[in-house]
Amino acid sequence: MRAVSAVTLLGAVVLLSPSPEARSCTCTAPPVAQALAQAEDAFVASVTFSALDSDKEKRLLTFTVKRVFKGSAPAQVQVVTPLTESACGYTFHPGGVYLVFTRNIRGKRLTHLCAGNVPTTLQGPWPRELESGWTPGAPESKK
């Protein structure tokens, strides 16, 4: 009888525990100056390709970089973000143009909902904290 009660209790705990999808991202996007300070790379780019990783847990994005504000992003760069907003994944739309902030984690550029990414235009104007930037592949300016 106790074995049945233990199994029932365990089942109730499993049913009442929040699933990974039920958890939500609780951060807020930082101001541009803070996002820039926390990022290893910051650039304006358009989304040219979007796919799932092999485990279908993250989204792989390819960007065509137009302007670099920090780091050394090449003209084409691949970025990883969690798959859903509840897991703090940022939703990028193919063809969209974004100001993107990334960090390099285990050899991959990673961004997320809490990094400060925002939709923008290819020509600017960009937030004043970013200054003018440089073209992809050019040496980083000395600031």
N, C-alpha and C. Protein backbone atom coordinates (compact mmCIF):
# COMPACT_ATOMS: atom_id res chain seq x y z
N MET A 1 0.81 -1.19 0.00
CA MET A 1 0.00 0.00 0.00
C MET A 1 0.86 1.26 0.00
N ARG A 2 1.95 1.25 0.78
CA ARG A 2 2.83 2.41 0.81
C ARG A 2 3.48 2.64 -0.55
N ALA A 3 3.80 1.57 -1.27
CA ALA A 3 4.42 1.70 -2.59
C ALA A 3 3.47 2.42 -3.54
N VAL A 4 2.20 2.11 -3.46
CA VAL A 4 1.21 2.77 -4.32
C VAL A 4 1.11 4.24 -3.95
N SER A 5 1.12 4.58 -2.66
CA SER A 5 1.05 5.97 -2.22
C SER A 5 2.27 6.75 -2.68
N ALA A 6 3.44 6.15 -2.61
CA ALA A 6 4.67 6.81 -3.06
C ALA A 6 4.62 7.08 -4.56
N VAL A 7 4.13 6.10 -5.31
CA VAL A 7 4.02 6.28 -6.77
C VAL A 7 3.00 7.37 -7.09
N THR A 8 1.90 7.39 -6.37
CA THR A 8 0.88 8.42 -6.57
C THR A 8 1.44 9.80 -6.26
N LEU A 9 2.17 9.92 -5.15
CA LEU A 9 2.78 11.19 -4.76
C LEU A 9 3.79 11.64 -5.80
N LEU A 10 4.62 10.74 -6.26
CA LEU A 10 5.62 11.07 -7.28
C LEU A 10 4.93 11.54 -8.56
N GLY A 11 3.87 10.86 -8.96
CA GLY A 11 3.13 11.26 -10.15
C GLY A 11 2.53 12.65 -10.00
N ALA A 12 2.01 12.95 -8.83
CA ALA A 12 1.42 14.27 -8.59
C ALA A 12 2.48 15.35 -8.66
N VAL A 13 3.66 15.08 -8.10
CA VAL A 13 4.75 16.05 -8.15
C VAL A 13 5.17 16.31 -9.59
N VAL A 14 5.29 15.26 -10.38
CA VAL A 14 5.68 15.41 -11.79
C VAL A 14 4.62 16.20 -12.54
N LEU A 15 3.35 15.93 -12.32
CA LEU A 15 2.29 16.64 -13.02
C LEU A 15 2.20 18.10 -12.62
N LEU A 16 2.49 18.42 -11.37
CA LEU A 16 2.37 19.78 -10.89
C LEU A 16 3.64 20.61 -11.09
N SER A 17 4.76 19.97 -11.38
CA SER A 17 6.01 20.68 -11.62
C SER A 17 5.93 21.39 -12.97
N PRO A 18 6.45 22.61 -13.02
CA PRO A 18 6.41 23.32 -14.30
C PRO A 18 7.32 22.65 -15.32
N SER A 19 6.84 22.55 -16.53
CA SER A 19 7.66 22.00 -17.59
C SER A 19 8.65 23.05 -18.04
N PRO A 20 9.71 22.68 -18.77
CA PRO A 20 10.66 23.68 -19.25
C PRO A 20 9.98 24.75 -20.10
N GLU A 21 8.94 24.39 -20.86
CA GLU A 21 8.25 25.37 -21.69
C GLU A 21 7.44 26.35 -20.83
N ALA A 22 7.05 25.96 -19.63
CA ALA A 22 6.22 26.81 -18.79
C ALA A 22 7.05 27.90 -18.11
N ARG A 23 8.33 27.68 -17.95
CA ARG A 23 9.19 28.70 -17.36
C ARG A 23 9.32 29.84 -18.35
N SER A 24 9.53 31.02 -17.83
CA SER A 24 9.68 32.14 -18.75
C SER A 24 10.95 32.91 -18.46
N CYS A 25 11.42 33.58 -19.46
CA CYS A 25 12.59 34.42 -19.35
C CYS A 25 12.19 35.65 -18.52
N THR A 26 12.97 35.99 -17.54
CA THR A 26 12.58 37.06 -16.63
C THR A 26 13.49 38.29 -16.70
N CYS A 27 14.35 38.36 -17.68
CA CYS A 27 15.24 39.51 -17.76
C CYS A 27 14.59 40.65 -18.52
N THR A 28 15.23 41.79 -18.47
CA THR A 28 14.82 42.91 -19.30
C THR A 28 16.02 43.31 -20.15
N ALA A 29 15.76 43.79 -21.35
CA ALA A 29 16.85 44.21 -22.23
C ALA A 29 17.55 45.42 -21.60
N PRO A 30 18.88 45.40 -21.57
CA PRO A 30 19.61 46.52 -20.97
C PRO A 30 19.65 47.73 -21.90
N PRO A 31 19.97 48.89 -21.36
CA PRO A 31 20.19 50.06 -22.21
C PRO A 31 21.38 49.79 -23.15
N VAL A 32 21.45 50.51 -24.25
CA VAL A 32 22.47 50.27 -25.27
C VAL A 32 23.88 50.33 -24.68
N ALA A 33 24.17 51.30 -23.84
CA ALA A 33 25.52 51.43 -23.27
C ALA A 33 25.90 50.19 -22.46
N GLN A 34 24.96 49.65 -21.70
CA GLN A 34 25.22 48.45 -20.91
C GLN A 34 25.35 47.22 -21.81
N ALA A 35 24.49 47.12 -22.82
CA ALA A 35 24.57 46.00 -23.76
C ALA A 35 25.92 46.00 -24.47
N LEU A 36 26.38 47.18 -24.86
CA LEU A 36 27.67 47.30 -25.53
C LEU A 36 28.81 46.90 -24.61
N ALA A 37 28.75 47.31 -23.36
CA ALA A 37 29.80 46.97 -22.39
C ALA A 37 29.85 45.47 -22.12
N GLN A 38 28.70 44.80 -22.12
CA GLN A 38 28.64 43.37 -21.82
C GLN A 38 28.96 42.49 -23.02
N ALA A 39 28.82 43.02 -24.22
CA ALA A 39 29.00 42.22 -25.44
C ALA A 39 30.47 42.13 -25.83
N GLU A 40 30.81 41.05 -26.51
CA GLU A 40 32.13 40.94 -27.13
C GLU A 40 32.08 41.49 -28.54
N ASP A 41 30.93 41.35 -29.20
CA ASP A 41 30.72 41.87 -30.54
C ASP A 41 29.40 42.61 -30.59
N ALA A 42 29.37 43.70 -31.34
CA ALA A 42 28.13 44.45 -31.57
C ALA A 42 28.15 44.89 -33.03
N PHE A 43 27.04 44.63 -33.73
CA PHE A 43 27.00 44.95 -35.16
C PHE A 43 25.56 45.13 -35.62
N VAL A 44 25.42 45.81 -36.77
CA VAL A 44 24.14 45.92 -37.46
C VAL A 44 24.21 44.96 -38.63
N ALA A 45 23.17 44.12 -38.76
CA ALA A 45 23.18 43.10 -39.80
C ALA A 45 21.77 42.70 -40.20
N SER A 46 21.67 42.11 -41.38
CA SER A 46 20.38 41.57 -41.83
C SER A 46 20.43 40.04 -41.75
N VAL A 47 19.29 39.46 -41.40
CA VAL A 47 19.18 38.00 -41.27
C VAL A 47 19.04 37.41 -42.68
N THR A 48 19.99 36.53 -43.05
CA THR A 48 19.92 35.91 -44.37
C THR A 48 19.52 34.45 -44.31
N PHE A 49 19.63 33.81 -43.14
CA PHE A 49 19.29 32.39 -43.03
C PHE A 49 18.96 32.08 -41.58
N SER A 50 17.97 31.19 -41.38
CA SER A 50 17.58 30.77 -40.05
C SER A 50 17.23 29.28 -40.09
N ALA A 51 17.77 28.51 -39.14
CA ALA A 51 17.50 27.07 -39.08
C ALA A 51 17.64 26.60 -37.63
N LEU A 52 17.20 25.40 -37.36
CA LEU A 52 17.37 24.80 -36.04
C LEU A 52 18.69 24.07 -35.98
N ASP A 53 19.29 24.01 -34.78
CA ASP A 53 20.50 23.21 -34.61
C ASP A 53 20.12 21.73 -34.65
N SER A 54 21.11 20.86 -34.63
CA SER A 54 20.85 19.42 -34.77
C SER A 54 20.00 18.86 -33.63
N ASP A 55 20.07 19.46 -32.45
CA ASP A 55 19.26 19.00 -31.32
C ASP A 55 17.88 19.67 -31.27
N LYS A 56 17.65 20.61 -32.17
CA LYS A 56 16.40 21.37 -32.24
C LYS A 56 16.11 22.11 -30.94
N GLU A 57 17.19 22.60 -30.30
CA GLU A 57 17.06 23.35 -29.06
C GLU A 57 17.45 24.81 -29.23
N LYS A 58 18.17 25.11 -30.30
CA LYS A 58 18.61 26.48 -30.55
C LYS A 58 18.36 26.84 -32.00
N ARG A 59 18.31 28.13 -32.25
CA ARG A 59 18.16 28.62 -33.61
C ARG A 59 19.52 29.11 -34.09
N LEU A 60 19.92 28.67 -35.28
CA LEU A 60 21.16 29.11 -35.91
C LEU A 60 20.79 30.18 -36.95
N LEU A 61 21.42 31.31 -36.85
CA LEU A 61 21.13 32.42 -37.75
C LEU A 61 22.38 32.84 -38.48
N THR A 62 22.22 33.15 -39.75
CA THR A 62 23.33 33.72 -40.52
C THR A 62 22.96 35.17 -40.80
N PHE A 63 23.89 36.06 -40.53
CA PHE A 63 23.69 37.49 -40.74
C PHE A 63 24.68 38.00 -41.78
N THR A 64 24.24 38.97 -42.56
CA THR A 64 25.14 39.76 -43.40
C THR A 64 25.39 41.04 -42.64
N VAL A 65 26.63 41.22 -42.20
CA VAL A 65 26.99 42.35 -41.36
C VAL A 65 27.27 43.57 -42.22
N LYS A 66 26.68 44.69 -41.82
CA LYS A 66 26.87 45.95 -42.55
C LYS A 66 27.75 46.94 -41.78
N ARG A 67 27.66 46.92 -40.47
CA ARG A 67 28.43 47.87 -39.65
C ARG A 67 28.80 47.19 -38.35
N VAL A 68 30.06 47.33 -37.94
CA VAL A 68 30.55 46.74 -36.69
C VAL A 68 30.83 47.87 -35.71
N PHE A 69 30.40 47.70 -34.47
CA PHE A 69 30.61 48.71 -33.44
C PHE A 69 31.55 48.23 -32.35
N LYS A 70 31.71 46.92 -32.23
CA LYS A 70 32.62 46.36 -31.23
C LYS A 70 33.00 44.97 -31.69
N GLY A 71 34.26 44.58 -31.50
CA GLY A 71 34.70 43.24 -31.85
C GLY A 71 35.18 43.15 -33.28
N SER A 72 35.06 41.97 -33.84
CA SER A 72 35.60 41.74 -35.18
C SER A 72 34.69 40.85 -36.02
N ALA A 73 33.45 41.21 -36.13
CA ALA A 73 32.50 40.41 -36.91
C ALA A 73 32.87 40.46 -38.39
N PRO A 74 32.89 39.30 -39.06
CA PRO A 74 33.15 39.27 -40.50
C PRO A 74 31.89 39.68 -41.27
N ALA A 75 31.99 39.75 -42.58
CA ALA A 75 30.86 40.16 -43.42
C ALA A 75 29.68 39.19 -43.31
N GLN A 76 29.94 37.91 -43.12
CA GLN A 76 28.91 36.89 -42.87
C GLN A 76 29.22 36.26 -41.51
N VAL A 77 28.25 36.22 -40.63
CA VAL A 77 28.49 35.68 -39.30
C VAL A 77 27.33 34.79 -38.89
N GLN A 78 27.65 33.71 -38.19
CA GLN A 78 26.62 32.81 -37.68
C GLN A 78 26.48 33.05 -36.18
N VAL A 79 25.22 33.14 -35.74
CA VAL A 79 24.90 33.42 -34.34
C VAL A 79 23.89 32.38 -33.87
N VAL A 80 23.98 32.01 -32.60
CA VAL A 80 23.07 31.04 -31.99
C VAL A 80 22.24 31.77 -30.93
N THR A 81 20.95 31.41 -30.86
CA THR A 81 20.08 31.93 -29.81
C THR A 81 19.17 30.80 -29.34
N PRO A 82 18.75 30.79 -28.07
CA PRO A 82 17.79 29.77 -27.65
C PRO A 82 16.56 29.78 -28.55
N LEU A 83 15.90 28.66 -28.63
CA LEU A 83 14.81 28.48 -29.60
C LEU A 83 13.58 29.33 -29.30
N THR A 84 13.24 29.50 -28.04
CA THR A 84 12.00 30.19 -27.71
C THR A 84 12.26 31.39 -26.80
N GLU A 85 11.32 32.31 -26.80
CA GLU A 85 11.44 33.47 -25.90
C GLU A 85 11.36 33.03 -24.44
N SER A 86 10.62 31.98 -24.15
CA SER A 86 10.54 31.51 -22.76
C SER A 86 11.90 31.00 -22.28
N ALA A 87 12.77 30.61 -23.20
CA ALA A 87 14.14 30.20 -22.86
C ALA A 87 15.13 31.34 -23.11
N CYS A 88 14.60 32.55 -23.25
CA CYS A 88 15.37 33.78 -23.49
C CYS A 88 15.94 33.86 -24.90
N GLY A 89 15.33 33.17 -25.83
CA GLY A 89 15.75 33.28 -27.23
C GLY A 89 15.18 34.54 -27.85
N TYR A 90 15.99 35.23 -28.65
CA TYR A 90 15.53 36.43 -29.34
C TYR A 90 14.95 36.01 -30.69
N THR A 91 13.80 36.56 -31.04
CA THR A 91 13.16 36.23 -32.30
C THR A 91 13.65 37.17 -33.40
N PHE A 92 14.45 36.63 -34.30
CA PHE A 92 14.93 37.36 -35.48
C PHE A 92 14.12 36.89 -36.68
N HIS A 93 13.69 37.83 -37.51
CA HIS A 93 12.90 37.49 -38.69
C HIS A 93 13.78 37.55 -39.94
N PRO A 94 13.72 36.51 -40.80
CA PRO A 94 14.51 36.53 -42.04
C PRO A 94 14.26 37.81 -42.83
N GLY A 95 15.34 38.43 -43.27
CA GLY A 95 15.26 39.69 -43.99
C GLY A 95 15.27 40.91 -43.08
N GLY A 96 15.03 40.71 -41.80
CA GLY A 96 15.02 41.82 -40.85
C GLY A 96 16.43 42.34 -40.59
N VAL A 97 16.51 43.58 -40.18
CA VAL A 97 17.79 44.23 -39.86
C VAL A 97 17.80 44.51 -38.36
N TYR A 98 18.90 44.16 -37.71
CA TYR A 98 18.97 44.26 -36.26
C TYR A 98 20.32 44.80 -35.80
N LEU A 99 20.30 45.46 -34.65
CA LEU A 99 21.51 45.74 -33.89
C LEU A 99 21.67 44.54 -32.99
N VAL A 100 22.77 43.80 -33.15
CA VAL A 100 22.96 42.52 -32.47
C VAL A 100 24.15 42.60 -31.52
N PHE A 101 23.96 42.08 -30.32
CA PHE A 101 25.03 42.01 -29.32
C PHE A 101 25.30 40.53 -29.03
N THR A 102 26.55 40.10 -29.16
CA THR A 102 26.87 38.68 -28.93
C THR A 102 28.03 38.53 -27.96
N ARG A 103 28.12 37.32 -27.42
CA ARG A 103 29.28 36.88 -26.63
C ARG A 103 29.73 35.56 -27.24
N ASN A 104 31.01 35.29 -27.15
CA ASN A 104 31.55 34.04 -27.67
C ASN A 104 31.58 33.01 -26.55
N ILE A 105 30.80 31.95 -26.74
CA ILE A 105 30.71 30.86 -25.76
C ILE A 105 31.08 29.57 -26.47
N ARG A 106 32.13 28.92 -26.01
CA ARG A 106 32.60 27.65 -26.59
C ARG A 106 32.74 27.75 -28.11
N GLY A 107 33.32 28.84 -28.57
CA GLY A 107 33.60 29.00 -29.99
C GLY A 107 32.41 29.40 -30.84
N LYS A 108 31.27 29.71 -30.21
CA LYS A 108 30.09 30.13 -30.97
C LYS A 108 29.65 31.50 -30.48
N ARG A 109 29.15 32.31 -31.42
CA ARG A 109 28.60 33.60 -31.04
C ARG A 109 27.17 33.37 -30.56
N LEU A 110 26.89 33.80 -29.34
CA LEU A 110 25.60 33.58 -28.71
C LEU A 110 24.94 34.92 -28.40
N THR A 111 23.65 34.99 -28.64
CA THR A 111 22.86 36.14 -28.22
C THR A 111 21.56 35.63 -27.63
N HIS A 112 20.83 36.52 -26.96
CA HIS A 112 19.59 36.12 -26.32
C HIS A 112 18.72 37.34 -26.08
N LEU A 113 17.56 37.11 -25.56
CA LEU A 113 16.58 38.17 -25.32
C LEU A 113 17.12 39.25 -24.38
N CYS A 114 18.03 38.89 -23.51
CA CYS A 114 18.53 39.81 -22.50
C CYS A 114 19.79 40.55 -22.94
N ALA A 115 20.22 40.38 -24.19
CA ALA A 115 21.47 40.96 -24.67
C ALA A 115 21.33 42.40 -25.13
N GLY A 116 20.12 42.84 -25.44
CA GLY A 116 19.91 44.21 -25.89
C GLY A 116 19.66 44.36 -27.38
N ASN A 117 19.48 43.24 -28.10
CA ASN A 117 19.23 43.29 -29.55
C ASN A 117 17.97 44.11 -29.83
N VAL A 118 18.00 44.86 -30.94
CA VAL A 118 16.84 45.65 -31.34
C VAL A 118 16.76 45.74 -32.86
N PRO A 119 15.54 45.81 -33.41
CA PRO A 119 15.41 46.05 -34.84
C PRO A 119 15.95 47.45 -35.17
N THR A 120 16.51 47.63 -36.34
CA THR A 120 17.06 48.93 -36.75
C THR A 120 17.03 49.03 -38.27
N THR A 121 17.77 49.96 -38.82
CA THR A 121 17.91 50.10 -40.26
C THR A 121 19.37 49.96 -40.64
N LEU A 122 19.64 49.72 -41.89
CA LEU A 122 21.02 49.56 -42.34
C LEU A 122 21.79 50.88 -42.34
N GLN A 123 21.10 51.99 -42.48
CA GLN A 123 21.78 53.28 -42.58
C GLN A 123 21.82 54.05 -41.26
N GLY A 124 21.16 53.58 -40.24
CA GLY A 124 21.08 54.35 -39.01
C GLY A 124 19.89 55.29 -39.09
N PRO A 125 19.74 56.24 -38.24
CA PRO A 125 20.69 56.58 -37.20
C PRO A 125 20.71 55.53 -36.10
N TRP A 126 21.88 55.34 -35.53
CA TRP A 126 22.06 54.39 -34.45
C TRP A 126 22.18 55.14 -33.14
N PRO A 127 21.96 54.47 -32.04
CA PRO A 127 22.10 55.14 -30.74
C PRO A 127 23.48 55.79 -30.60
N ARG A 128 23.52 56.96 -29.97
CA ARG A 128 24.77 57.73 -29.87
C ARG A 128 25.89 56.98 -29.16
N GLU A 129 25.54 56.03 -28.30
CA GLU A 129 26.57 55.26 -27.58
C GLU A 129 27.44 54.43 -28.52
N LEU A 130 26.96 54.21 -29.74
CA LEU A 130 27.67 53.33 -30.67
C LEU A 130 28.72 54.04 -31.51
N GLU A 131 28.71 55.35 -31.56
CA GLU A 131 29.59 56.12 -32.43
C GLU A 131 29.38 55.69 -33.88
N SER A 132 30.40 55.74 -34.71
CA SER A 132 30.17 55.49 -36.14
C SER A 132 30.43 54.05 -36.58
N GLY A 133 31.27 53.33 -35.89
CA GLY A 133 31.56 51.95 -36.28
C GLY A 133 32.45 51.87 -37.50
N TRP A 134 32.58 50.65 -38.06
CA TRP A 134 33.43 50.41 -39.22
C TRP A 134 32.85 49.26 -40.03
N THR A 135 33.33 49.09 -41.24
CA THR A 135 32.82 48.04 -42.11
C THR A 135 33.37 46.69 -41.65
N PRO A 136 32.66 45.59 -41.90
CA PRO A 136 33.12 44.27 -41.47
C PRO A 136 34.48 43.95 -42.08
N GLY A 137 35.31 43.32 -41.30
CA GLY A 137 36.64 42.91 -41.77
C GLY A 137 37.69 43.97 -41.59
N ALA A 138 37.30 45.23 -41.36
CA ALA A 138 38.27 46.30 -41.12
C ALA A 138 38.76 46.18 -39.67
N PRO A 139 40.00 46.62 -39.41
CA PRO A 139 40.51 46.57 -38.03
C PRO A 139 39.62 47.38 -37.10
N GLU A 140 39.47 46.90 -35.88
CA GLU A 140 38.67 47.60 -34.90
C GLU A 140 39.29 48.95 -34.61
N SER A 141 38.46 49.97 -34.56
CA SER A 141 38.99 51.31 -34.27
C SER A 141 39.45 51.35 -32.81
N LYS A 142 40.42 52.19 -32.56
CA LYS A 142 40.93 52.37 -31.19
C LYS A 142 40.06 53.38 -30.47
N LYS A 143 39.43 52.95 -29.41
CA LYS A 143 38.56 53.85 -28.66
C LYS A 143 39.16 54.16 -27.32
